[in-house]
Amino acid sequence: MIVKKIKNPRKSAGKRTRVSRLTAYIRAAGARGGEEKCVYAGARGFLTDDPRSQAAEMLALAQESVRSKDPINHYVLSWREGEQPSATQVEEAVEIFMRELGVQDHQVVYGLHADTDNQHLHIALNRVDPETGRCVEINKGFDIEAAHRAVALIERAHGWKREERGRYAVLETGEVAPRR
């Protein structure tokens, strides 16, 4: 499994555009060629179950952080070709990912896409703390390191084959350590 952090392609776009386009893309049902793009979607940290209302909630909370121009992070977790996570495994992967990044209570929208050879999970994470209204700096600015630790934990929890060049491994004790 690999993880990538996707940069905002439109840095000049406002929070409204960022939230609406990203959440719509993550939940998009159709892909070119007619195959199903999003085969499973979910969200956490919202008062409502309606996707449009969740986007509005995410925008409202993002606007609470006036100092941060872009408090929404976009990550992609990609499984190896042939690995097909179940809905339960996706939920557990999101739980592990959020916990390892230290943002368990934050708003997140996610969708499992199957429009490529590798199923992949898009995650839109609102870094604005729902309690304080302040934008958090994940892992002191090293969020991709925390994401790589999460990948090691997800691989171990579900028995996925570990990437040869993965940054971290889970020891027999359950502790995450740098790859040797």
Protein backbone atom coordinates (compact mmCIF):
# COMPACT_ATOMS: atom_id res chain seq x y z
CA MET A 1 0.00 0.00 0.00
CA ILE A 2 1.23 3.47 -0.78
CA VAL A 3 0.14 6.89 0.44
CA LYS A 4 0.30 10.23 -1.31
CA LYS A 5 -0.62 13.72 -0.25
CA ILE A 6 -2.26 15.54 -3.14
CA LYS A 7 -1.53 19.24 -3.37
CA ASN A 8 -4.34 21.66 -4.02
CA PRO A 9 -4.31 22.19 -7.79
CA ARG A 10 -5.88 25.63 -7.40
CA LYS A 11 -4.14 27.41 -4.56
CA SER A 12 -5.87 30.64 -5.55
CA ALA A 13 -9.33 29.08 -5.25
CA GLY A 14 -11.27 29.79 -2.08
CA LYS A 15 -12.33 27.36 0.60
CA ARG A 16 -15.81 27.00 -0.92
CA THR A 17 -14.38 25.83 -4.24
CA ARG A 18 -11.87 23.50 -2.57
CA VAL A 19 -14.43 21.79 -0.34
CA SER A 20 -17.20 21.48 -2.93
CA ARG A 21 -15.00 20.19 -5.75
CA LEU A 22 -12.98 17.78 -3.63
CA THR A 23 -15.94 16.22 -1.81
CA ALA A 24 -17.89 15.92 -5.09
CA TYR A 25 -14.90 14.26 -6.78
CA ILE A 26 -14.41 11.80 -3.94
CA ARG A 27 -18.04 10.69 -4.10
CA ALA A 28 -18.31 10.75 -7.91
CA ALA A 29 -20.13 7.64 -9.10
CA GLY A 30 -19.23 7.44 -12.77
CA ALA A 31 -15.93 7.31 -14.59
CA ARG A 32 -14.96 7.48 -18.22
CA GLY A 33 -15.74 4.23 -19.98
CA GLY A 34 -18.82 3.47 -17.87
CA GLU A 35 -17.16 1.59 -15.01
CA GLU A 36 -18.02 2.44 -11.44
CA LYS A 37 -15.59 4.99 -10.04
CA CYS A 38 -16.56 5.29 -6.37
CA VAL A 39 -17.54 1.87 -5.03
CA TYR A 40 -17.77 2.88 -1.38
CA ALA A 41 -17.96 6.24 0.40
CA GLY A 42 -18.22 7.46 3.94
CA ALA A 43 -17.76 10.43 6.23
CA ARG A 44 -17.08 11.11 9.90
CA GLY A 45 -17.38 14.06 12.22
CA PHE A 46 -20.58 15.52 10.79
CA LEU A 47 -24.00 16.27 12.27
CA THR A 48 -25.80 15.06 9.14
CA ASP A 49 -25.65 12.08 6.79
CA ASP A 50 -26.51 14.08 3.67
CA PRO A 51 -23.43 14.60 1.43
CA ARG A 52 -24.39 18.17 0.42
CA SER A 53 -25.00 19.13 4.02
CA GLN A 54 -21.68 17.56 5.01
CA ALA A 55 -19.89 19.69 2.41
CA ALA A 56 -21.64 22.75 3.86
CA GLU A 57 -20.59 21.74 7.39
CA MET A 58 -17.00 21.19 6.25
CA LEU A 59 -16.94 24.60 4.61
CA ALA A 60 -18.42 26.30 7.67
CA LEU A 61 -15.80 24.77 9.95
CA ALA A 62 -12.98 25.50 7.48
CA GLN A 63 -14.05 29.15 7.47
CA GLU A 64 -13.62 29.28 11.26
CA SER A 65 -9.88 29.19 10.70
CA VAL A 66 -9.32 32.61 9.20
CA ARG A 67 -5.52 32.32 9.24
CA SER A 68 -5.38 29.18 7.11
CA LYS A 69 -6.16 29.62 3.41
CA ASP A 70 -6.41 25.86 2.79
CA PRO A 71 -7.21 23.76 5.88
CA ILE A 72 -8.33 20.76 3.81
CA ASN A 73 -5.77 17.99 3.21
CA HIS A 74 -6.24 15.44 0.44
CA TYR A 75 -4.59 12.03 0.78
CA VAL A 76 -4.77 8.88 -1.34
CA LEU A 77 -4.14 5.37 -0.01
CA SER A 78 -3.55 2.91 -2.85
CA TRP A 79 -3.69 -0.85 -2.60
CA ARG A 80 -1.64 -3.20 -4.76
CA GLU A 81 -3.18 -4.49 -7.97
CA GLY A 82 -5.54 -7.33 -7.10
CA GLU A 83 -6.09 -6.24 -3.48
CA GLN A 84 -9.72 -5.31 -2.95
CA PRO A 85 -10.60 -3.94 0.47
CA SER A 86 -14.06 -4.56 1.87
CA ALA A 87 -16.22 -1.77 3.29
CA THR A 88 -15.21 -2.90 6.78
CA GLN A 89 -11.53 -2.77 5.87
CA VAL A 90 -11.97 0.73 4.41
CA GLU A 91 -13.63 1.89 7.65
CA GLU A 92 -10.82 0.36 9.71
CA ALA A 93 -8.18 1.91 7.43
CA VAL A 94 -9.75 5.35 7.90
CA GLU A 95 -9.88 4.80 11.67
CA ILE A 96 -6.19 3.84 11.81
CA PHE A 97 -5.21 6.70 9.47
CA MET A 98 -7.07 9.33 11.50
CA ARG A 99 -5.75 8.00 14.81
CA GLU A 100 -2.14 7.95 13.61
CA LEU A 101 -2.43 11.53 12.32
CA GLY A 102 -3.97 12.55 15.66
CA VAL A 103 -7.20 13.90 14.17
CA GLN A 104 -9.74 11.27 15.22
CA ASP A 105 -12.48 13.85 15.92
CA HIS A 106 -11.99 15.91 12.77
CA GLN A 107 -14.27 15.98 9.75
CA VAL A 108 -13.33 13.58 6.97
CA VAL A 109 -14.93 12.51 3.70
CA TYR A 110 -13.58 9.42 1.95
CA GLY A 111 -14.31 7.29 -1.08
CA LEU A 112 -12.88 4.05 -2.46
CA HIS A 113 -12.30 4.36 -6.20
CA ALA A 114 -12.03 1.39 -8.55
CA ASP A 115 -11.42 3.19 -11.86
CA THR A 116 -7.75 2.15 -12.15
CA ASP A 117 -5.83 -1.13 -11.81
CA ASN A 118 -5.27 -0.30 -8.14
CA GLN A 119 -8.19 0.43 -5.87
CA HIS A 120 -7.48 3.62 -3.99
CA LEU A 121 -9.05 5.58 -1.18
CA HIS A 122 -9.36 9.36 -1.42
CA ILE A 123 -9.49 11.12 1.94
CA ALA A 124 -10.44 14.79 2.41
CA LEU A 125 -9.50 15.81 5.94
CA ASN A 126 -10.48 19.09 7.58
CA ARG A 127 -7.56 20.15 9.79
CA VAL A 128 -9.74 22.63 11.68
CA ASP A 129 -10.36 21.28 15.17
CA PRO A 130 -14.12 21.09 15.74
CA GLU A 131 -13.70 22.04 19.40
CA THR A 132 -11.32 24.99 19.13
CA GLY A 133 -11.94 26.22 15.58
CA ARG A 134 -8.18 26.37 15.05
CA CYS A 135 -6.28 24.69 12.26
CA VAL A 136 -3.96 21.98 13.59
CA GLU A 137 -0.52 21.19 12.27
CA ILE A 138 -0.50 17.42 11.91
CA ASN A 139 2.59 15.73 13.39
CA LYS A 140 4.38 19.10 13.71
CA GLY A 141 4.23 19.55 9.93
CA PHE A 142 5.38 16.03 9.12
CA ASP A 143 1.96 14.62 8.30
CA ILE A 144 3.26 12.42 5.49
CA GLU A 145 5.48 10.61 8.01
CA ALA A 146 2.44 9.94 10.20
CA ALA A 147 0.60 8.76 7.08
CA HIS A 148 3.39 6.28 6.31
CA ARG A 149 3.20 4.94 9.87
CA ALA A 150 -0.55 4.53 9.37
CA VAL A 151 0.06 2.56 6.17
CA ALA A 152 2.28 0.10 8.04
CA LEU A 153 -0.43 -0.37 10.67
CA ILE A 154 -3.16 -0.82 8.04
CA GLU A 155 -1.09 -3.37 6.12
CA ARG A 156 -0.51 -5.37 9.27
CA ALA A 157 -4.12 -5.15 10.48
CA HIS A 158 -5.50 -6.50 7.21
CA GLY A 159 -2.70 -8.77 6.10
CA TRP A 160 -1.89 -6.76 2.97
CA LYS A 161 1.50 -7.37 1.41
CA ARG A 162 3.98 -4.77 2.64
CA GLU A 163 5.60 -2.47 0.09
CA GLU A 164 9.26 -3.40 -0.38
CA ARG A 165 10.36 0.20 0.11
CA GLY A 166 7.86 1.10 2.80
CA ARG A 167 9.20 3.61 5.32
CA TYR A 168 7.87 1.81 8.41
CA ALA A 169 7.23 -1.69 9.67
CA VAL A 170 5.20 -2.96 12.57
CA LEU A 171 7.26 -5.01 15.02
CA GLU A 172 5.96 -8.12 16.76
CA THR A 173 5.31 -5.94 19.82
CA GLY A 174 2.90 -3.81 17.75
CA GLU A 175 5.26 -0.84 17.79
CA VAL A 176 5.85 1.03 14.52
CA ALA A 177 9.53 1.42 13.66
CA PRO A 178 11.52 2.79 10.72
CA ARG A 179 12.21 0.19 8.05
CA ARG A 180 15.50 -1.62 8.38
